[in-house]
Amino acid sequence: MPIYEYKCEMCGQDFEKLVFKGDDEKISCPCCGADKVKKLISAGCFMDDSGIGACSAPASKGFS
């Protein structure tokens, strides 16, 4: 059950929405009610097969 980040194109409000798989519900802004929203890119969009995201800190390579 991922939480997606959205930005309203009408009022500029940023908000998050819990979206269930197969959910056909139209996303609307909780501030102004507009349905012109844009899904923002979040770290969860960049997960690879190991479950490590591109925004994750690199693994420790020992003492330097």
Protein backbone atom coordinates (compact mmCIF):
# COMPACT_ATOMS: atom_id res chain seq x y z
CA MET A 1 0.00 0.00 0.00
CA PRO A 2 2.19 2.84 -1.20
CA ILE A 3 1.78 6.45 -0.21
CA TYR A 4 2.12 8.72 -3.22
CA GLU A 5 2.96 12.41 -3.19
CA TYR A 6 0.88 14.80 -5.29
CA LYS A 7 0.88 18.51 -6.12
CA CYS A 8 -2.29 20.39 -7.01
CA GLU A 9 -1.95 22.27 -10.29
CA MET A 10 -4.63 24.76 -9.24
CA CYS A 11 -3.56 25.91 -5.74
CA GLY A 12 -0.03 24.45 -5.50
CA GLN A 13 -0.77 22.38 -2.36
CA ASP A 14 1.51 19.33 -1.82
CA PHE A 15 -0.19 16.31 -0.23
CA GLU A 16 0.15 12.56 0.23
CA LYS A 17 -2.42 9.87 -0.53
CA LEU A 18 -2.49 6.20 0.44
CA VAL A 19 -3.38 4.31 -2.75
CA PHE A 20 -4.53 0.70 -2.73
CA LYS A 21 -3.79 -1.64 -5.65
CA GLY A 22 -6.58 -1.52 -8.21
CA ASP A 23 -7.99 1.70 -6.74
CA ASP A 24 -9.85 3.64 -9.46
CA GLU A 25 -10.67 6.60 -7.22
CA LYS A 26 -10.02 10.01 -8.78
CA ILE A 27 -7.38 11.89 -6.77
CA SER A 28 -8.42 15.40 -5.78
CA CYS A 29 -6.76 18.14 -3.75
CA PRO A 30 -7.79 18.11 -0.07
CA CYS A 31 -7.29 21.90 0.06
CA CYS A 32 -9.31 23.22 -2.90
CA GLY A 33 -11.01 20.05 -4.23
CA ALA A 34 -9.56 20.36 -7.74
CA ASP A 35 -8.91 17.14 -9.63
CA LYS A 36 -5.96 18.55 -11.60
CA VAL A 37 -3.15 16.97 -9.57
CA LYS A 38 0.29 15.78 -10.60
CA LYS A 39 1.97 12.74 -9.04
CA LEU A 40 5.45 13.65 -7.83
CA ILE A 41 8.43 11.34 -8.11
CA SER A 42 9.38 9.83 -4.77
CA ALA A 43 12.20 7.54 -3.64
CA GLY A 44 9.88 4.52 -3.82
CA CYS A 45 9.76 4.91 -7.60
CA PHE A 46 13.45 4.07 -7.88
CA MET A 47 13.57 0.73 -6.06
CA ASP A 48 15.58 -2.02 -7.67
CA ASP A 49 15.10 -5.78 -7.25
CA SER A 50 17.10 -5.81 -4.01
CA GLY A 51 14.75 -3.25 -2.43
CA ILE A 52 17.43 -0.58 -2.29
CA GLY A 53 16.38 2.79 -3.63
CA ALA A 54 18.55 5.07 -5.74
CA CYS A 55 18.30 7.71 -3.00
CA SER A 56 19.72 5.36 -0.36
CA ALA A 57 23.07 6.06 1.22
CA PRO A 58 25.91 4.01 -0.26
CA ALA A 59 27.15 1.00 1.67
CA SER A 60 30.07 1.53 4.01
CA LYS A 61 33.42 0.70 2.46
CA GLY A 62 35.35 0.54 5.73
CA PHE A 63 37.70 3.06 7.28
CA SER A 64 39.17 5.83 5.22
